[in-house]
Protein backbone atom coordinates (compact mmCIF):
# COMPACT_ATOMS: atom_id res chain seq x y z
CA MET A 1 0.08 0.00 -0.03
CA ARG A 2 2.86 2.34 0.82
CA SER A 3 4.44 1.69 -2.70
CA ALA A 4 1.11 2.38 -4.34
CA THR A 5 1.02 5.85 -2.64
CA GLU A 6 4.54 6.62 -3.81
CA ILE A 7 3.60 5.77 -7.38
CA THR A 8 0.52 7.94 -7.14
CA LEU A 9 2.61 10.90 -5.94
CA GLU A 10 5.02 10.41 -8.83
CA ILE A 11 2.39 10.41 -11.45
CA ASP A 12 0.72 13.63 -10.02
CA SER A 13 4.23 15.41 -10.27
CA SER A 14 4.89 14.26 -13.91
CA PRO A 15 5.02 16.74 -16.85
CA ALA A 16 1.78 15.50 -18.01
CA ASN A 17 -0.05 16.61 -15.05
CA VAL A 18 1.93 19.91 -14.76
CA ARG A 19 0.51 20.55 -18.22
CA ALA A 20 -2.93 19.87 -17.17
CA GLY A 21 -2.74 22.40 -14.31
CA TYR A 22 -3.42 22.14 -10.50
CA GLN A 23 -4.32 18.84 -8.92
CA GLU A 24 -6.10 18.79 -5.50
CA ASP A 25 -4.28 15.57 -4.40
CA GLY A 26 -0.87 16.49 -5.75
CA PRO A 27 0.88 19.75 -5.97
CA VAL A 28 2.31 21.26 -9.15
CA SER A 29 6.02 21.89 -8.93
CA ALA A 30 6.17 25.07 -11.01
CA PRO A 31 2.79 26.89 -11.80
CA PRO A 32 4.38 30.18 -12.77
CA ALA A 33 6.01 28.49 -15.86
CA ALA A 34 2.50 27.63 -17.35
CA PRO A 35 2.23 30.83 -19.55
CA ARG A 36 5.74 30.19 -20.86
CA MET A 37 4.69 26.73 -21.74
CA LEU A 38 1.77 27.78 -23.53
CA ILE A 39 3.79 30.29 -25.53
CA ARG A 40 6.23 27.57 -26.39
CA ARG A 41 3.37 25.43 -27.83
CA PHE A 42 2.28 28.40 -29.95
CA HIS A 43 3.64 28.53 -33.49
CA ALA A 44 3.02 30.35 -36.87
CA GLY A 45 0.51 27.67 -37.95
CA TYR A 46 -1.94 29.26 -35.58
CA PHE A 47 -2.19 32.25 -38.23
CA ARG A 48 -4.33 29.73 -40.29
CA ILE A 49 -7.08 31.40 -38.20
CA GLY A 50 -5.87 34.80 -39.33
CA MET A 51 -5.71 33.94 -42.84
CA SER A 52 -9.22 32.39 -42.68
CA LEU A 53 -10.80 35.51 -41.06
CA GLY A 54 -8.86 37.86 -43.42
CA GLY A 55 -10.02 35.88 -46.39
CA GLN A 56 -13.67 35.74 -45.14
CA VAL A 57 -13.77 39.72 -44.52
CA LEU A 58 -12.44 40.13 -48.01
CA LEU A 59 -15.07 37.95 -49.33
CA TRP A 60 -17.87 39.93 -47.69
CA LYS A 61 -16.49 43.34 -48.61
CA THR A 62 -16.52 42.06 -52.09
CA VAL A 63 -20.12 40.93 -51.77
CA ALA A 64 -21.21 44.16 -50.15
CA GLY A 65 -19.40 46.18 -52.99
CA ALA A 66 -21.16 44.10 -55.75
CA GLY A 67 -24.55 44.69 -54.12
CA GLY A 68 -23.85 48.64 -54.07
CA ARG A 69 -25.78 49.02 -50.80
CA GLY A 70 -24.48 51.10 -48.04
CA GLY A 71 -26.44 48.93 -45.31
CA HIS A 72 -23.82 46.15 -45.85
CA GLU A 73 -20.88 48.43 -44.41
CA THR A 74 -21.63 47.90 -40.72
CA PRO A 75 -21.51 44.11 -40.80
CA VAL A 76 -18.30 44.23 -42.83
CA LEU A 77 -16.78 46.70 -40.28
CA VAL A 78 -17.64 44.51 -37.39
CA LEU A 79 -16.09 41.49 -39.04
CA TRP A 80 -13.08 43.37 -40.01
CA CYS A 81 -12.68 44.52 -36.36
CA VAL A 82 -12.98 41.11 -34.98
CA ALA A 83 -10.51 39.87 -37.54
CA PHE A 84 -8.10 42.65 -36.62
CA LEU A 85 -8.31 41.99 -33.02
CA VAL A 86 -7.59 38.12 -33.59
CA ILE A 87 -4.69 38.76 -35.93
CA LEU A 88 -3.27 41.38 -33.49
CA VAL A 89 -3.42 38.88 -30.58
CA LEU A 90 -1.79 36.17 -32.63
CA SER A 91 0.92 38.62 -33.73
CA LEU A 92 1.65 39.75 -30.20
CA VAL A 93 1.78 36.27 -28.86
CA TYR A 94 4.16 35.15 -31.60
CA LEU A 95 6.35 38.23 -30.84
CA LEU A 96 6.51 37.07 -27.20
CA ARG A 97 7.46 33.72 -28.52
CA CYS A 98 10.38 35.16 -30.42
CA LEU A 99 11.50 37.19 -27.53
CA LEU A 100 11.16 34.56 -24.85
CA ASP A 101 12.39 31.45 -26.80
CA PHE A 102 13.92 32.39 -30.26
CA ARG A 103 15.30 28.67 -30.46
CA MET A 104 11.70 27.51 -31.05
CA VAL A 105 11.31 29.95 -33.95
CA GLU A 106 14.62 28.69 -35.39
CA TYR A 107 13.27 25.23 -35.12
CA GLU A 108 10.16 26.38 -37.10
CA PHE A 109 12.59 27.64 -39.77
CA LEU A 110 14.40 24.37 -40.01
CA HIS A 111 11.19 22.50 -40.07
CA HIS A 112 10.11 21.54 -43.66
CA VAL A 113 6.43 22.25 -42.70
CA GLY A 114 6.88 24.83 -40.19
CA VAL A 115 9.02 27.15 -42.28
CA ASN A 116 6.09 27.64 -44.76
CA TYR A 117 3.76 29.00 -42.07
CA LEU A 118 6.18 31.78 -41.62
CA PHE A 119 4.44 33.27 -44.59
CA ALA A 120 1.12 33.08 -42.82
CA PRO A 121 1.49 36.19 -40.65
CA SER A 122 2.00 38.45 -43.76
CA ILE A 123 -0.65 36.83 -45.63
CA SER A 124 -3.11 37.48 -42.86
CA TRP A 125 -2.23 41.08 -42.64
CA LEU A 126 -2.17 41.60 -46.49
CA LEU A 127 -5.67 40.16 -46.62
CA LEU A 128 -6.76 42.47 -43.76
CA LEU A 129 -5.32 45.43 -45.46
CA GLN A 130 -7.28 44.76 -48.75
CA SER A 131 -10.55 44.47 -46.68
CA ALA A 132 -10.02 47.61 -44.66
CA PRO A 133 -13.29 49.47 -45.01
CA PHE A 134 -11.71 52.88 -43.98
CA LEU A 135 -8.51 52.91 -45.99
CA ALA A 136 -8.37 53.53 -49.72
CA PRO A 137 -5.87 51.52 -51.79
CA LEU A 138 -4.41 54.87 -53.17
CA ALA A 139 -3.90 56.33 -49.54
CA PRO A 140 -0.23 56.72 -48.42
CA PRO A 141 -0.84 54.59 -45.13
CA TYR A 142 -2.07 51.79 -47.38
CA LYS A 143 1.14 51.85 -49.43
CA ILE A 144 3.34 51.99 -46.26
CA LEU A 145 1.48 49.13 -44.67
CA TRP A 146 1.75 47.05 -47.78
CA SER A 147 5.44 47.66 -47.90
CA LEU A 148 5.83 46.69 -44.18
CA PHE A 149 3.89 43.41 -44.68
CA ALA A 150 5.35 42.43 -48.30
CA ILE A 151 9.01 42.89 -47.26
CA PRO A 152 8.86 39.79 -44.97
CA VAL A 153 7.61 37.84 -47.90
CA LEU A 154 10.46 38.79 -50.11
CA LEU A 155 12.94 38.13 -47.56
CA LEU A 156 11.63 34.66 -46.92
CA ASP A 157 11.60 34.13 -50.78
CA VAL A 158 15.25 34.81 -51.00
CA LYS A 159 16.11 32.52 -48.06
CA ILE A 160 13.82 29.67 -48.84
CA TYR A 161 14.06 29.67 -52.80
CA GLY A 162 17.81 29.93 -52.45
CA GLN A 163 17.83 26.89 -50.09
CA TRP A 164 15.69 24.87 -52.87
CA PHE A 165 18.36 25.67 -55.43
CA THR A 166 21.58 24.97 -53.42
CA LYS A 167 21.15 23.21 -50.18
CA GLY A 168 21.56 19.30 -50.48
CA ARG A 169 18.95 18.51 -47.69
CA ARG A 170 16.77 21.52 -48.56
CA PHE A 171 16.34 20.46 -52.32
CA LEU A 172 12.67 21.19 -53.21
CA PHE A 173 12.09 17.40 -53.91
CA CYS A 174 13.21 16.60 -50.36
CA VAL A 175 11.10 19.11 -48.51
CA ALA A 176 8.13 19.74 -50.81
CA ASN A 177 4.77 19.22 -49.27
CA PRO A 178 1.21 20.85 -49.57
CA THR A 179 2.14 23.66 -47.17
CA SER A 180 5.07 24.72 -49.40
CA GLN A 181 2.24 26.57 -51.42
CA LEU A 182 1.94 29.18 -48.71
CA SER A 183 5.28 30.78 -50.01
CA VAL A 184 3.49 30.97 -53.44
CA ILE A 185 0.28 32.33 -51.85
CA GLY A 186 2.36 34.97 -49.97
CA ASN A 187 3.65 36.36 -53.22
CA LEU A 188 0.15 36.21 -54.94
CA VAL A 189 -1.71 38.02 -52.05
CA GLY A 190 1.15 40.66 -52.11
CA ALA A 191 0.69 40.93 -55.96
CA GLN A 192 -3.10 41.30 -55.61
CA ALA A 193 -2.78 44.12 -52.87
CA ALA A 194 -0.16 45.99 -55.10
CA GLY A 195 -2.38 45.76 -58.02
CA ARG A 196 -5.16 47.43 -56.05
CA MET A 197 -3.01 50.51 -55.25
CA GLY A 198 -1.90 50.78 -58.79
CA TRP A 199 1.59 49.47 -58.23
CA LYS A 200 1.49 47.33 -61.28
CA GLU A 201 5.18 46.61 -61.71
CA SER A 202 5.65 45.58 -58.10
CA GLY A 203 2.36 43.45 -58.67
CA MET A 204 3.85 41.87 -61.70
CA CYS A 205 7.06 41.13 -59.99
CA LEU A 206 5.49 39.37 -57.04
CA PHE A 207 3.10 37.57 -59.51
CA SER A 208 6.06 36.18 -61.55
CA LEU A 209 7.89 34.93 -58.62
CA GLY A 210 4.93 33.16 -57.19
CA MET A 211 3.63 31.64 -60.45
CA VAL A 212 7.20 30.31 -61.57
CA HIS A 213 7.62 28.67 -58.31
CA TYR A 214 4.20 27.37 -58.24
CA LEU A 215 4.63 25.70 -61.55
CA VAL A 216 7.70 23.92 -60.38
CA LEU A 217 6.03 23.02 -56.93
CA PHE A 218 2.92 21.82 -58.44
CA VAL A 219 4.81 19.33 -60.68
CA THR A 220 6.92 18.23 -57.68
CA LEU A 221 3.89 17.64 -55.53
CA TYR A 222 2.07 15.97 -58.44
CA GLN A 223 4.78 13.39 -58.58
CA ARG A 224 4.18 12.56 -54.98
CA SER A 225 7.40 13.51 -53.42
CA SER A 226 8.80 12.18 -50.14
CA GLY A 227 7.77 15.47 -48.41
CA ALA A 228 4.03 14.89 -49.14
CA ASP A 229 4.36 11.09 -47.81
CA ARG A 230 5.74 12.33 -44.58
CA LEU A 231 2.99 14.70 -43.94
CA PRO A 232 1.16 13.49 -40.63
CA SER A 233 -2.54 12.60 -40.72
CA MET A 234 -3.28 15.56 -38.41
CA LEU A 235 -2.12 17.93 -41.09
CA ARG A 236 -4.18 16.38 -43.96
CA PRO A 237 -6.61 19.54 -44.40
CA VAL A 238 -3.63 21.51 -45.62
CA PHE A 239 -4.15 19.58 -49.04
CA PHE A 240 -6.84 22.10 -49.57
CA LEU A 241 -4.09 24.62 -50.20
CA TYR A 242 -4.10 23.11 -53.68
CA ILE A 243 -7.14 25.27 -54.19
CA ALA A 244 -5.95 28.46 -52.74
CA ALA A 245 -2.87 29.02 -54.87
CA PRO A 246 -4.59 29.16 -58.37
CA SER A 247 -7.60 30.91 -56.95
CA VAL A 248 -5.49 33.72 -55.42
CA ALA A 249 -3.54 33.79 -58.66
CA SER A 250 -6.56 34.49 -60.67
CA LEU A 251 -7.68 37.29 -58.37
CA ALA A 252 -4.00 38.67 -58.37
CA TRP A 253 -4.05 38.75 -62.23
CA GLU A 254 -7.44 40.46 -62.20
CA SER A 255 -6.03 43.02 -59.76
CA ILE A 256 -2.94 43.63 -62.01
CA THR A 257 -4.61 43.80 -65.47
CA GLY A 258 -8.08 45.39 -64.36
CA ALA A 259 -10.07 42.38 -65.92
CA PHE A 260 -10.96 38.79 -65.16
CA ASP A 261 -9.57 37.83 -68.63
CA ALA A 262 -8.78 34.28 -70.10
CA ALA A 263 -5.68 33.77 -67.86
CA SER A 264 -7.81 34.41 -64.73
CA LYS A 265 -10.43 32.23 -66.02
CA MET A 266 -8.01 29.33 -66.61
CA LEU A 267 -6.50 29.71 -63.12
CA PHE A 268 -10.09 29.68 -61.86
CA PHE A 269 -11.10 26.68 -63.72
CA LEU A 270 -7.86 24.87 -62.47
CA SER A 271 -8.80 25.66 -58.88
CA LEU A 272 -12.37 24.46 -59.48
CA PHE A 273 -11.11 21.15 -60.69
CA LEU A 274 -8.77 20.71 -57.84
CA PHE A 275 -11.63 21.44 -55.38
CA THR A 276 -13.84 18.87 -56.97
CA ALA A 277 -10.98 16.22 -56.98
CA LEU A 278 -10.15 16.83 -53.39
CA VAL A 279 -13.74 16.75 -52.14
CA GLN A 280 -14.11 13.28 -54.02
CA VAL A 281 -11.07 11.75 -52.42
CA PHE A 282 -10.62 13.52 -49.03
CA LYS A 283 -11.45 11.29 -45.89
CA PHE A 284 -13.38 13.69 -43.88
CA SER A 285 -14.47 10.68 -41.60
CA SER A 286 -10.90 10.41 -40.35
CA MET A 287 -11.25 13.86 -38.71
CA LYS A 288 -12.55 12.83 -35.22
CA ARG A 289 -10.49 14.97 -32.83
CA PHE A 290 -10.41 18.81 -33.30
CA ASN A 291 -7.19 20.35 -33.99
CA ILE A 292 -5.89 23.69 -35.32
CA ALA A 293 -5.10 22.32 -38.79
CA TRP A 294 -8.88 22.05 -39.57
CA TRP A 295 -8.63 26.00 -40.07
CA ALA A 296 -6.65 25.15 -43.37
CA PHE A 297 -10.11 24.38 -44.98
CA SER A 298 -11.38 27.91 -44.71
CA PHE A 299 -9.04 30.19 -46.55
CA PRO A 300 -8.99 28.08 -49.76
CA LEU A 301 -12.53 28.07 -50.00
CA SER A 302 -12.91 31.78 -49.47
CA ALA A 303 -10.36 32.40 -52.25
CA LEU A 304 -12.38 30.19 -54.52
CA ALA A 305 -15.68 31.97 -53.47
CA LEU A 306 -13.96 35.27 -54.35
CA ALA A 307 -12.78 33.89 -57.72
CA SER A 308 -16.28 32.73 -58.47
CA ILE A 309 -17.67 36.29 -57.90
CA GLU A 310 -15.28 37.77 -60.28
CA TYR A 311 -16.03 35.02 -62.73
CA HIS A 312 -19.77 35.71 -62.47
CA HIS A 313 -19.30 39.38 -62.82
CA GLN A 314 -17.47 38.70 -66.08
CA VAL A 315 -19.78 36.14 -67.80
CA ARG A 316 -23.14 37.04 -66.39
CA ALA A 317 -24.51 33.54 -66.78
CA LEU A 318 -27.08 31.72 -64.81
CA PRO A 319 -24.67 28.61 -64.20
CA ALA A 320 -21.94 31.06 -62.86
CA LYS A 321 -24.32 32.61 -60.52
CA ILE A 322 -25.42 29.44 -59.11
CA LEU A 323 -21.90 28.28 -58.77
CA MET A 324 -21.11 31.63 -56.92
CA PHE A 325 -23.85 31.28 -54.38
CA LEU A 326 -22.96 27.60 -53.79
CA LEU A 327 -19.18 28.49 -53.11
CA LEU A 328 -20.28 31.37 -50.96
CA GLY A 329 -22.71 29.28 -48.83
CA LEU A 330 -20.14 26.53 -48.49
CA SER A 331 -17.45 29.16 -47.29
CA VAL A 332 -19.64 30.64 -44.78
CA PHE A 333 -20.74 27.29 -43.46
CA VAL A 334 -17.23 26.02 -43.16
CA ILE A 335 -16.01 29.09 -41.22
CA VAL A 336 -19.05 29.28 -38.95
CA SER A 337 -18.49 25.63 -38.15
CA LEU A 338 -14.75 26.14 -37.38
CA VAL A 339 -15.48 29.08 -35.11
CA ALA A 340 -18.01 26.79 -33.16
CA ALA A 341 -15.67 23.95 -33.10
CA THR A 342 -12.81 26.14 -31.82
CA LEU A 343 -14.97 27.76 -29.09
CA LEU A 344 -16.23 24.32 -27.89
CA ASN A 345 -12.79 22.72 -27.94
CA SER A 346 -10.78 25.85 -26.63
CA ASP A 347 -9.06 23.45 -24.36
CA MET A 348 -7.41 21.63 -27.33
CA LEU A 349 -6.10 24.65 -29.03
CA LEU A 350 -2.48 24.49 -27.59
CA ARG A 351 -1.82 20.61 -27.88
CA ASP A 352 1.31 19.22 -26.79
CA ASP A 353 1.23 16.60 -29.54
CA ASP A 354 1.30 19.00 -32.37
CA PRO A 355 3.34 17.63 -35.37
CA LEU A 356 5.02 21.07 -35.63
CA LEU A 357 6.37 20.89 -32.10
CA ASN A 358 7.61 17.39 -31.65
CA GLY A 359 8.10 14.21 -33.38
CA GLY A 360 5.32 14.18 -35.81
CA VAL A 361 7.55 15.48 -38.57
CA GLU A 362 11.34 15.60 -38.01
CA PRO A 363 12.86 18.99 -38.96
CA HIS A 364 15.79 19.12 -41.17
CA ARG A 365 19.13 20.12 -39.70
CA ARG A 366 20.95 23.18 -40.83
CA ASP A 367 23.26 22.71 -43.75
CA THR A 368 26.79 23.80 -43.50
């Protein structure tokens, strides 16, 4: 009986129970370290939420603008404020992570999945900038903020694309996975925002960088590289990023050229085909436990719905209108479901079994 008591006390003081919080029948050794532990579990992948909210606000701003009614401005403003607060909190927490434990940020950079989510903060802010209801694209603050958010994308481009070219362990065919498309999406969202404020050359530069690497990346992923095979089952929702890249590309090209022309239509049709293929083969039944990766569904659907709106405005046909409403309804249903699931499972947001934090996917070592 004495040995059983000792075993119980040892279990209560284990790291698992320290993470769970205070126990009535067993003291927690270091409760002040709990906030620091939560910050350590936070990573750039949580900006999936910011991307989803930013894409949804931009979607509804586009819908309100298409309707031409001032009554839609208040709901869009409320949505924008909510998205702004969420992205601001995410950014502040990530800044804290950088200040308190920069080694974990370095771990993300060396991680062949985590490194791609370093683009997500800039993508979130660029989407929010485009959907700002009180800031005109031609206003100087818009241009300053665009530069502030686009520069990290270009810096990451230089570093990551350079590694794809030259580093042995970091060759594209070794590290490519569906999240690699975030580097492409970062360039395309930046190009879209640049086109809106009239910086056509800057937009074309970012668009060309994104599309050239998208073509190479798409072929690499289509050949089922080892990176895709090593993606944990928990991260399977990121396969929907296949939809996001061509959808955002069609919107970026429309923003640069001023028309949803043949090139934009081809990219939209590609994203529509990929969406149909993914819905057919994706195993939604395997998603039993909530995790933050579920938010990877929302932004691609918002981007596809945005492209369908522009397509409908161009062709003015009944099938295009039906498709637009279907995708718009699906996008709203998905994000409402994700918000509800997140609120109901808030205790599972900062999980200690996240593949980006531990052995789910091994990071690549730094090449010398």
